[in-house]
Amino acid sequence: MEATRVAMQAVEVLGIVDFEERNRWFLQRADELEAMDANDCDSEEAKTTFLIARAKEVAFCRKIARTRPEDVVLRPIQLSDTQEEHLTAGEMEAQLAPRKVSHTAQVQHFAQLALAHYNGRKTTNKFELSKALTSNCFSEACGTTYAHVNFTAVPQKSHSNDDPDHAPMNKRLFFAELMFVLDVRAHEDTEPMRVLHVSTIDDVPCYGGCHEISRKINHTMRGVMDYERCHACHGILKHPKGDMFIGGHNSTRMPYYSAI
C-alpha cells in the first residue's frame, strides 16, 4: 500500500512536468556543450579537464532527455549536514596530503591571485604562499562563474633556509572566492579572474562544502538559496560562514554538476 501511495504521488508530481519540453531543453543543452570550443582553454591541462567534464555533462543531459515518467523512481532523501570545524594550516595540509591534486595549475593560479589581492590591501603583515591546497570552479544558473580555493601561507621573511616548511607555527589557512569577468574590451593578457574575498579561516569556524550531501536546512531560505553553506564544493574544501562568499548557495546543486 505504501509503495502504491508513493507511486501515485510520483505520477501526480511528475504529471505537471511537460516531458517533451524538458527533453528538448536537455537535448539543446547537450548540443550547446558539444559546440563549445576546447581550444579556448588556456592550457593543455585545462583543455583535458574541460573535455572530460563536457563529456560527462553531455552524457548526463542526453540520459535525462531519454527518461519518461514511468522511468522515474522516487527514493527517500537522506538529510545530513557538514560539521563545524576548527582547523590549523598544518591539519588542513595533513588532511589533503594523501590526495592527488587534479588541477594543479588552476589551484596554484587562484591561490597566487588571492594572496596578491590580500597583500595589496595591507602595508604590513603580508604573506607569501606556502601550499596551494584545493580549488573548485563552478557556474551559477545565471551563468556567472566563481572559484573557491584553500591555501596556506606564511608571513613574509618568517622562514629560514633550515626550515623548508616555512615556520609552521606561523602558517595560516586561507579561503578565497574569485569570479570570472569576461570583458570584451580587455587585452588578451588581462587576468579574467577577479578576487572577491580572501580571509584566514584557522581562527574561525569553517565548514566543508555540501555538494556530496543533501543538507538538512532548518532556517528560512530565499527560494532554494541556502546562505549558510556552499553547495558547489565538496567537503574537502573549507569555507567561512556563508555570508562571507557569494557563489555556491543553490541548495538544489543543479548548476554545479559540471564544477571542476
C-alpha atoms as a PDB file:
ATOM      1  CA  MET A   1       0.000   0.000   0.000  1.00  0.00           C
ATOM      2  CA  GLU A   2       2.792   2.408   0.887  1.00  0.00           C
ATOM      3  CA  ALA A   3       4.560   1.697  -2.400  1.00  0.00           C
ATOM      4  CA  THR A   4       1.321   2.331  -4.278  1.00  0.00           C
ATOM      5  CA  ARG A   5       0.817   5.612  -2.452  1.00  0.00           C
ATOM      6  CA  VAL A   6       4.346   6.766  -3.266  1.00  0.00           C
ATOM      7  CA  ALA A   7       3.912   5.747  -6.910  1.00  0.00           C
ATOM      8  CA  MET A   8       0.661   7.706  -7.132  1.00  0.00           C
ATOM      9  CA  GLN A   9       2.389  10.725  -5.619  1.00  0.00           C
ATOM     10  CA  ALA A  10       5.166  10.407  -8.183  1.00  0.00           C
ATOM     11  CA  VAL A  11       2.695  10.354 -11.058  1.00  0.00           C
ATOM     12  CA  GLU A  12       0.838  13.298  -9.558  1.00  0.00           C
ATOM     13  CA  VAL A  13       4.005  15.352  -9.136  1.00  0.00           C
ATOM     14  CA  LEU A  14       5.641  14.363 -12.409  1.00  0.00           C
ATOM     15  CA  GLY A  15       2.396  14.772 -14.280  1.00  0.00           C
ATOM     16  CA  ILE A  16       2.774  18.541 -14.118  1.00  0.00           C
ATOM     17  CA  VAL A  17       6.074  18.303 -15.992  1.00  0.00           C
ATOM     18  CA  ASP A  18       5.965  18.792 -19.756  1.00  0.00           C
ATOM     19  CA  PHE A  19       8.395  15.998 -20.574  1.00  0.00           C
ATOM     20  CA  GLU A  20       8.621  16.856 -24.264  1.00  0.00           C
ATOM     21  CA  GLU A  21       9.599  20.421 -23.468  1.00  0.00           C
ATOM     22  CA  ARG A  22      12.028  19.239 -20.798  1.00  0.00           C
ATOM     23  CA  ASN A  23      13.601  16.723 -23.187  1.00  0.00           C
ATOM     24  CA  ARG A  24      14.056  19.382 -25.854  1.00  0.00           C
ATOM     25  CA  TRP A  25      15.763  21.640 -23.317  1.00  0.00           C
ATOM     26  CA  PHE A  26      18.248  18.946 -22.262  1.00  0.00           C
ATOM     27  CA  LEU A  27      18.986  17.990 -25.871  1.00  0.00           C
ATOM     28  CA  GLN A  28      19.577  21.639 -26.712  1.00  0.00           C
ATOM     29  CA  ARG A  29      21.867  21.937 -23.697  1.00  0.00           C
ATOM     30  CA  ALA A  30      23.834  18.881 -24.863  1.00  0.00           C
ATOM     31  CA  ASP A  31      24.198  20.376 -28.348  1.00  0.00           C
ATOM     32  CA  GLU A  32      25.402  23.687 -26.875  1.00  0.00           C
ATOM     33  CA  LEU A  33      28.006  21.917 -24.775  1.00  0.00           C
ATOM     34  CA  GLU A  34      29.272  19.902 -27.738  1.00  0.00           C
ATOM     35  CA  ALA A  35      29.595  23.110 -29.753  1.00  0.00           C
ATOM     36  CA  MET A  36      31.897  24.713 -27.167  1.00  0.00           C
ATOM     37  CA  ASP A  37      35.454  25.053 -28.468  1.00  0.00           C
ATOM     38  CA  ALA A  38      38.009  23.362 -26.227  1.00  0.00           C
ATOM     39  CA  ASN A  39      40.742  25.377 -27.952  1.00  0.00           C
ATOM     40  CA  ASP A  40      39.634  28.396 -25.918  1.00  0.00           C
ATOM     41  CA  CYS A  41      41.232  26.802 -22.832  1.00  0.00           C
ATOM     42  CA  ASP A  42      44.456  28.497 -21.747  1.00  0.00           C
ATOM     43  CA  SER A  43      46.480  25.303 -21.201  1.00  0.00           C
ATOM     44  CA  GLU A  44      46.571  21.655 -22.237  1.00  0.00           C
ATOM     45  CA  GLU A  45      45.689  20.649 -18.669  1.00  0.00           C
ATOM     46  CA  ALA A  46      42.648  22.935 -18.697  1.00  0.00           C
ATOM     47  CA  LYS A  47      41.660  21.587 -22.132  1.00  0.00           C
ATOM     48  CA  THR A  48      41.838  17.986 -20.932  1.00  0.00           C
ATOM     49  CA  THR A  49      39.821  18.821 -17.814  1.00  0.00           C
ATOM     50  CA  PHE A  50      37.219  20.656 -19.899  1.00  0.00           C
ATOM     51  CA  LEU A  51      36.820  17.773 -22.359  1.00  0.00           C
ATOM     52  CA  ILE A  52      36.308  15.261 -19.534  1.00  0.00           C
ATOM     53  CA  ALA A  53      33.773  17.486 -17.762  1.00  0.00           C
ATOM     54  CA  ARG A  54      31.963  18.224 -21.044  1.00  0.00           C
ATOM     55  CA  ALA A  55      31.665  14.551 -21.944  1.00  0.00           C
ATOM     56  CA  LYS A  56      30.128  13.771 -18.548  1.00  0.00           C
ATOM     57  CA  GLU A  57      27.695  16.684 -18.746  1.00  0.00           C
ATOM     58  CA  VAL A  58      26.623  15.853 -22.317  1.00  0.00           C
ATOM     59  CA  ALA A  59      26.031  12.210 -21.385  1.00  0.00           C
ATOM     60  CA  PHE A  60      24.005  13.329 -18.352  1.00  0.00           C
ATOM     61  CA  CYS A  61      21.837  15.696 -20.431  1.00  0.00           C
ATOM     62  CA  ARG A  62      21.135  13.074 -23.095  1.00  0.00           C
ATOM     63  CA  LYS A  63      20.294  10.474 -20.459  1.00  0.00           C
ATOM     64  CA  ILE A  64      17.809  12.827 -18.790  1.00  0.00           C
ATOM     65  CA  ALA A  65      16.274  13.615 -22.187  1.00  0.00           C
ATOM     66  CA  ARG A  66      15.523   9.906 -22.721  1.00  0.00           C
ATOM     67  CA  THR A  67      13.631   9.409 -19.454  1.00  0.00           C
ATOM     68  CA  ARG A  68       9.851   9.170 -19.184  1.00  0.00           C
ATOM     69  CA  PRO A  69       7.591   9.488 -16.118  1.00  0.00           C
ATOM     70  CA  GLU A  70       7.433   5.706 -15.759  1.00  0.00           C
ATOM     71  CA  ASP A  71      11.264   5.586 -15.620  1.00  0.00           C
ATOM     72  CA  VAL A  72      11.434   7.814 -12.545  1.00  0.00           C
ATOM     73  CA  VAL A  73      11.843   6.149  -9.155  1.00  0.00           C
ATOM     74  CA  LEU A  74      11.479   8.284  -6.047  1.00  0.00           C
ATOM     75  CA  ARG A  75      13.800   7.378  -3.197  1.00  0.00           C
ATOM     76  CA  PRO A  76      13.780   8.899   0.284  1.00  0.00           C
ATOM     77  CA  ILE A  77      16.399  11.619   0.580  1.00  0.00           C
ATOM     78  CA  GLN A  78      18.821  11.135   3.453  1.00  0.00           C
ATOM     79  CA  LEU A  79      19.459  14.536   5.014  1.00  0.00           C
ATOM     80  CA  SER A  80      22.698  15.370   6.800  1.00  0.00           C
ATOM     81  CA  ASP A  81      24.974  18.340   7.387  1.00  0.00           C
ATOM     82  CA  THR A  82      28.603  19.375   7.348  1.00  0.00           C
ATOM     83  CA  GLN A  83      30.089  19.868  10.784  1.00  0.00           C
ATOM     84  CA  GLU A  84      31.671  22.990  12.197  1.00  0.00           C
ATOM     85  CA  GLU A  85      35.439  22.523  12.166  1.00  0.00           C
ATOM     86  CA  HIS A  86      38.411  24.293  13.720  1.00  0.00           C
ATOM     87  CA  LEU A  87      41.495  23.516  11.652  1.00  0.00           C
ATOM     88  CA  THR A  88      45.061  24.764  11.687  1.00  0.00           C
ATOM     89  CA  ALA A  89      47.009  25.185   8.473  1.00  0.00           C
ATOM     90  CA  GLY A  90      49.060  22.111   9.333  1.00  0.00           C
ATOM     91  CA  GLU A  91      45.969  19.994   9.992  1.00  0.00           C
ATOM     92  CA  MET A  92      44.439  21.022   6.665  1.00  0.00           C
ATOM     93  CA  GLU A  93      47.647  20.197   4.822  1.00  0.00           C
ATOM     94  CA  ALA A  94      47.760  16.800   6.540  1.00  0.00           C
ATOM     95  CA  GLN A  95      44.149  16.053   5.528  1.00  0.00           C
ATOM     96  CA  LEU A  96      44.920  16.729   1.876  1.00  0.00           C
ATOM     97  CA  ALA A  97      48.410  15.201   1.778  1.00  0.00           C
ATOM     98  CA  PRO A  98      47.210  11.750   0.572  1.00  0.00           C
ATOM     99  CA  ARG A  99      45.127  13.284  -2.216  1.00  0.00           C
ATOM    100  CA  LYS A 100      46.456  13.920  -5.697  1.00  0.00           C
ATOM    101  CA  VAL A 101      45.636  17.450  -6.845  1.00  0.00           C
ATOM    102  CA  SER A 102      43.898  17.092 -10.214  1.00  0.00           C
ATOM    103  CA  HIS A 103      44.021  20.743 -11.288  1.00  0.00           C
ATOM    104  CA  THR A 104      47.478  21.790 -10.112  1.00  0.00           C
ATOM    105  CA  ALA A 105      47.854  24.830 -12.363  1.00  0.00           C
ATOM    106  CA  GLN A 106      44.348  26.078 -11.542  1.00  0.00           C
ATOM    107  CA  VAL A 107      44.806  25.748  -7.774  1.00  0.00           C
ATOM    108  CA  GLN A 108      48.198  27.451  -7.870  1.00  0.00           C
ATOM    109  CA  HIS A 109      46.937  30.296 -10.051  1.00  0.00           C
ATOM    110  CA  PHE A 110      43.864  31.005  -7.922  1.00  0.00           C
ATOM    111  CA  ALA A 111      45.934  30.924  -4.716  1.00  0.00           C
ATOM    112  CA  GLN A 112      48.517  33.323  -6.126  1.00  0.00           C
ATOM    113  CA  LEU A 113      45.841  35.754  -7.305  1.00  0.00           C
ATOM    114  CA  ALA A 114      44.085  35.646  -3.940  1.00  0.00           C
ATOM    115  CA  LEU A 115      47.247  36.203  -1.925  1.00  0.00           C
ATOM    116  CA  ALA A 116      48.389  39.062  -4.171  1.00  0.00           C
ATOM    117  CA  HIS A 117      44.991  40.696  -3.616  1.00  0.00           C
ATOM    118  CA  TYR A 118      45.247  40.133   0.147  1.00  0.00           C
ATOM    119  CA  ASN A 119      48.750  41.610   0.340  1.00  0.00           C
ATOM    120  CA  GLY A 120      47.793  44.525  -1.887  1.00  0.00           C
ATOM    121  CA  ARG A 121      45.355  45.739   0.745  1.00  0.00           C
ATOM    122  CA  LYS A 122      47.957  45.688   3.528  1.00  0.00           C
ATOM    123  CA  THR A 123      51.011  47.785   4.297  1.00  0.00           C
ATOM    124  CA  THR A 124      52.352  45.365   6.917  1.00  0.00           C
ATOM    125  CA  ASN A 125      51.849  41.717   7.915  1.00  0.00           C
ATOM    126  CA  LYS A 126      51.974  40.456   4.361  1.00  0.00           C
ATOM    127  CA  PHE A 127      52.155  36.756   3.470  1.00  0.00           C
ATOM    128  CA  GLU A 128      53.800  34.512   0.913  1.00  0.00           C
ATOM    129  CA  LEU A 129      52.312  31.330  -0.462  1.00  0.00           C
ATOM    130  CA  SER A 130      53.226  28.075   1.241  1.00  0.00           C
ATOM    131  CA  LYS A 131      50.910  25.481  -0.372  1.00  0.00           C
ATOM    132  CA  ALA A 132      48.009  25.731  -2.799  1.00  0.00           C
ATOM    133  CA  LEU A 133      45.690  23.026  -1.458  1.00  0.00           C
ATOM    134  CA  THR A 134      42.431  22.635  -3.375  1.00  0.00           C
ATOM    135  CA  SER A 135      40.041  24.630  -5.548  1.00  0.00           C
ATOM    136  CA  ASN A 136      36.690  24.401  -7.298  1.00  0.00           C
ATOM    137  CA  CYS A 137      35.416  26.355 -10.296  1.00  0.00           C
ATOM    138  CA  PHE A 138      31.646  26.398 -10.929  1.00  0.00           C
ATOM    139  CA  SER A 139      28.877  28.365 -12.621  1.00  0.00           C
ATOM    140  CA  GLU A 140      25.577  29.583 -11.243  1.00  0.00           C
ATOM    141  CA  ALA A 141      22.268  29.201 -13.088  1.00  0.00           C
ATOM    142  CA  CYS A 142      22.596  32.831 -14.215  1.00  0.00           C
ATOM    143  CA  GLY A 143      25.888  31.997 -15.945  1.00  0.00           C
ATOM    144  CA  THR A 144      28.270  33.727 -13.532  1.00  0.00           C
ATOM    145  CA  THR A 145      31.365  31.640 -12.841  1.00  0.00           C
ATOM    146  CA  TYR A 146      33.026  31.562  -9.421  1.00  0.00           C
ATOM    147  CA  ALA A 147      36.025  29.809  -7.916  1.00  0.00           C
ATOM    148  CA  HIS A 148      36.717  28.816  -4.311  1.00  0.00           C
ATOM    149  CA  VAL A 149      40.230  27.967  -3.150  1.00  0.00           C
ATOM    150  CA  ASN A 150      42.064  26.934   0.020  1.00  0.00           C
ATOM    151  CA  PHE A 151      45.755  27.596   0.509  1.00  0.00           C
ATOM    152  CA  THR A 152      48.293  28.093   3.283  1.00  0.00           C
ATOM    153  CA  ALA A 153      50.709  30.998   3.607  1.00  0.00           C
ATOM    154  CA  VAL A 154      53.384  32.272   5.972  1.00  0.00           C
ATOM    155  CA  PRO A 155      54.379  35.813   6.967  1.00  0.00           C
ATOM    156  CA  GLN A 156      56.933  37.237   4.577  1.00  0.00           C
ATOM    157  CA  LYS A 157      60.564  36.738   5.685  1.00  0.00           C
ATOM    158  CA  SER A 158      59.433  34.495   8.557  1.00  0.00           C
ATOM    159  CA  HIS A 159      61.152  31.349   7.340  1.00  0.00           C
ATOM    160  CA  SER A 160      64.774  30.315   7.330  1.00  0.00           C
ATOM    161  CA  ASN A 161      66.812  28.195   4.955  1.00  0.00           C
ATOM    162  CA  ASP A 162      66.786  25.421   7.561  1.00  0.00           C
ATOM    163  CA  ASP A 163      63.005  25.251   7.645  1.00  0.00           C
ATOM    164  CA  PRO A 164      61.541  24.064   4.326  1.00  0.00           C
ATOM    165  CA  ASP A 165      58.038  24.055   5.770  1.00  0.00           C
ATOM    166  CA  HIS A 166      58.149  27.820   6.266  1.00  0.00           C
ATOM    167  CA  ALA A 167      57.799  28.220  10.031  1.00  0.00           C
ATOM    168  CA  PRO A 168      54.719  26.021  10.599  1.00  0.00           C
ATOM    169  CA  MET A 169      53.821  27.811  13.838  1.00  0.00           C
ATOM    170  CA  ASN A 170      53.187  30.989  11.814  1.00  0.00           C
ATOM    171  CA  LYS A 171      51.489  29.298   8.888  1.00  0.00           C
ATOM    172  CA  ARG A 172      47.877  30.356   8.222  1.00  0.00           C
ATOM    173  CA  LEU A 173      44.986  28.685   6.419  1.00  0.00           C
ATOM    174  CA  PHE A 174      43.107  30.819   3.889  1.00  0.00           C
ATOM    175  CA  PHE A 175      39.861  30.724   1.910  1.00  0.00           C
ATOM    176  CA  ALA A 176      39.262  32.883  -1.151  1.00  0.00           C
ATOM    177  CA  GLU A 177      36.478  33.446  -3.660  1.00  0.00           C
ATOM    178  CA  LEU A 178      37.110  34.646  -7.200  1.00  0.00           C
ATOM    179  CA  MET A 179      34.776  35.495 -10.083  1.00  0.00           C
ATOM    180  CA  PHE A 180      35.303  35.177 -13.826  1.00  0.00           C
ATOM    181  CA  VAL A 181      34.862  38.561 -15.514  1.00  0.00           C
ATOM    182  CA  LEU A 182      34.548  38.495 -19.284  1.00  0.00           C
ATOM    183  CA  ASP A 183      35.340  41.957 -20.627  1.00  0.00           C
ATOM    184  CA  VAL A 184      35.423  42.094 -24.422  1.00  0.00           C
ATOM    185  CA  ARG A 185      37.327  45.384 -24.178  1.00  0.00           C
ATOM    186  CA  ALA A 186      40.170  43.829 -22.219  1.00  0.00           C
ATOM    187  CA  HIS A 187      43.522  42.896 -23.729  1.00  0.00           C
ATOM    188  CA  GLU A 188      44.415  39.262 -24.255  1.00  0.00           C
ATOM    189  CA  ASP A 189      46.837  39.335 -21.326  1.00  0.00           C
ATOM    190  CA  THR A 190      44.257  40.771 -18.904  1.00  0.00           C
ATOM    191  CA  GLU A 191      43.539  38.473 -15.955  1.00  0.00           C
ATOM    192  CA  PRO A 192      39.887  37.334 -16.230  1.00  0.00           C
ATOM    193  CA  MET A 193      39.568  36.173 -12.597  1.00  0.00           C
ATOM    194  CA  ARG A 194      38.658  38.877 -10.079  1.00  0.00           C
ATOM    195  CA  VAL A 195      39.241  38.242  -6.379  1.00  0.00           C
ATOM    196  CA  LEU A 196      36.097  38.962  -4.339  1.00  0.00           C
ATOM    197  CA  HIS A 197      37.095  37.792  -0.864  1.00  0.00           C
ATOM    198  CA  VAL A 198      40.145  36.479   0.995  1.00  0.00           C
ATOM    199  CA  SER A 199      40.317  35.604   4.682  1.00  0.00           C
ATOM    200  CA  THR A 200      42.043  33.348   7.176  1.00  0.00           C
ATOM    201  CA  ILE A 201      39.843  30.511   8.419  1.00  0.00           C
ATOM    202  CA  ASP A 202      42.087  28.888  11.017  1.00  0.00           C
ATOM    203  CA  ASP A 203      40.915  31.397  13.626  1.00  0.00           C
ATOM    204  CA  VAL A 204      37.164  30.985  12.989  1.00  0.00           C
ATOM    205  CA  PRO A 205      34.771  28.056  12.497  1.00  0.00           C
ATOM    206  CA  CYS A 206      34.939  26.621   8.982  1.00  0.00           C
ATOM    207  CA  TYR A 207      32.682  24.253   7.045  1.00  0.00           C
ATOM    208  CA  GLY A 208      33.176  21.791   4.213  1.00  0.00           C
ATOM    209  CA  GLY A 209      31.066  22.102   1.081  1.00  0.00           C
ATOM    210  CA  CYS A 210      27.721  20.273   0.805  1.00  0.00           C
ATOM    211  CA  HIS A 211      27.944  19.083  -2.810  1.00  0.00           C
ATOM    212  CA  GLU A 212      28.059  15.404  -1.827  1.00  0.00           C
ATOM    213  CA  ILE A 213      25.120  15.539   0.598  1.00  0.00           C
ATOM    214  CA  SER A 214      21.524  16.712   0.848  1.00  0.00           C
ATOM    215  CA  ARG A 215      21.753  19.236   3.632  1.00  0.00           C
ATOM    216  CA  LYS A 216      19.216  19.351   6.438  1.00  0.00           C
ATOM    217  CA  ILE A 217      18.258  23.034   6.420  1.00  0.00           C
ATOM    218  CA  ASN A 218      16.418  24.369   9.442  1.00  0.00           C
ATOM    219  CA  HIS A 219      16.468  28.074   8.667  1.00  0.00           C
ATOM    220  CA  THR A 220      14.169  30.049   6.372  1.00  0.00           C
ATOM    221  CA  MET A 221      15.579  30.245   2.860  1.00  0.00           C
ATOM    222  CA  ARG A 222      15.032  32.651  -0.011  1.00  0.00           C
ATOM    223  CA  GLY A 223      13.722  30.229  -2.600  1.00  0.00           C
ATOM    224  CA  VAL A 224      16.317  27.469  -2.977  1.00  0.00           C
ATOM    225  CA  MET A 225      19.214  29.590  -1.741  1.00  0.00           C
ATOM    226  CA  ASP A 226      20.946  28.414   1.443  1.00  0.00           C
ATOM    227  CA  TYR A 227      23.168  31.297   2.502  1.00  0.00           C
ATOM    228  CA  GLU A 228      24.754  29.333   5.346  1.00  0.00           C
ATOM    229  CA  ARG A 229      26.754  26.862   3.251  1.00  0.00           C
ATOM    230  CA  CYS A 230      28.363  26.223  -0.116  1.00  0.00           C
ATOM    231  CA  HIS A 231      26.595  23.549  -2.185  1.00  0.00           C
ATOM    232  CA  ALA A 232      29.006  23.746  -5.128  1.00  0.00           C
ATOM    233  CA  CYS A 233      32.119  22.454  -3.337  1.00  0.00           C
ATOM    234  CA  HIS A 234      32.927  19.067  -1.852  1.00  0.00           C
ATOM    235  CA  GLY A 235      33.588  18.526   1.820  1.00  0.00           C
ATOM    236  CA  ILE A 236      37.368  18.788   1.499  1.00  0.00           C
ATOM    237  CA  LEU A 237      37.199  22.486   0.592  1.00  0.00           C
ATOM    238  CA  LYS A 238      36.662  24.575   3.717  1.00  0.00           C
ATOM    239  CA  HIS A 239      34.657  27.796   3.836  1.00  0.00           C
ATOM    240  CA  PRO A 240      33.906  30.517   6.377  1.00  0.00           C
ATOM    241  CA  LYS A 241      30.298  31.295   7.277  1.00  0.00           C
ATOM    242  CA  GLY A 242      28.051  31.617   4.253  1.00  0.00           C
ATOM    243  CA  ASP A 243      27.663  35.385   4.370  1.00  0.00           C
ATOM    244  CA  MET A 244      31.376  35.729   3.536  1.00  0.00           C
ATOM    245  CA  PHE A 245      31.055  34.456  -0.045  1.00  0.00           C
ATOM    246  CA  ILE A 246      28.616  34.897  -2.938  1.00  0.00           C
ATOM    247  CA  GLY A 247      28.648  31.748  -5.074  1.00  0.00           C
ATOM    248  CA  GLY A 248      27.566  28.203  -4.318  1.00  0.00           C
ATOM    249  CA  HIS A 249      24.380  28.754  -2.298  1.00  0.00           C
ATOM    250  CA  ASN A 250      21.883  26.972  -4.587  1.00  0.00           C
ATOM    251  CA  SER A 251      20.706  24.074  -2.409  1.00  0.00           C
ATOM    252  CA  THR A 252      19.425  22.083  -5.411  1.00  0.00           C
ATOM    253  CA  ARG A 253      23.060  21.790  -6.601  1.00  0.00           C
ATOM    254  CA  MET A 254      21.780  21.517 -10.186  1.00  0.00           C
ATOM    255  CA  PRO A 255      24.004  24.305 -11.625  1.00  0.00           C
ATOM    256  CA  TYR A 256      27.108  22.759 -10.086  1.00  0.00           C
ATOM    257  CA  TYR A 257      27.273  19.242 -11.508  1.00  0.00           C
ATOM    258  CA  SER A 258      29.939  20.241 -14.031  1.00  0.00           C
ATOM    259  CA  ALA A 259      32.114  22.002 -11.424  1.00  0.00           C
ATOM    260  CA  ILE A 260      35.870  21.344 -11.642  1.00  0.00           C
END
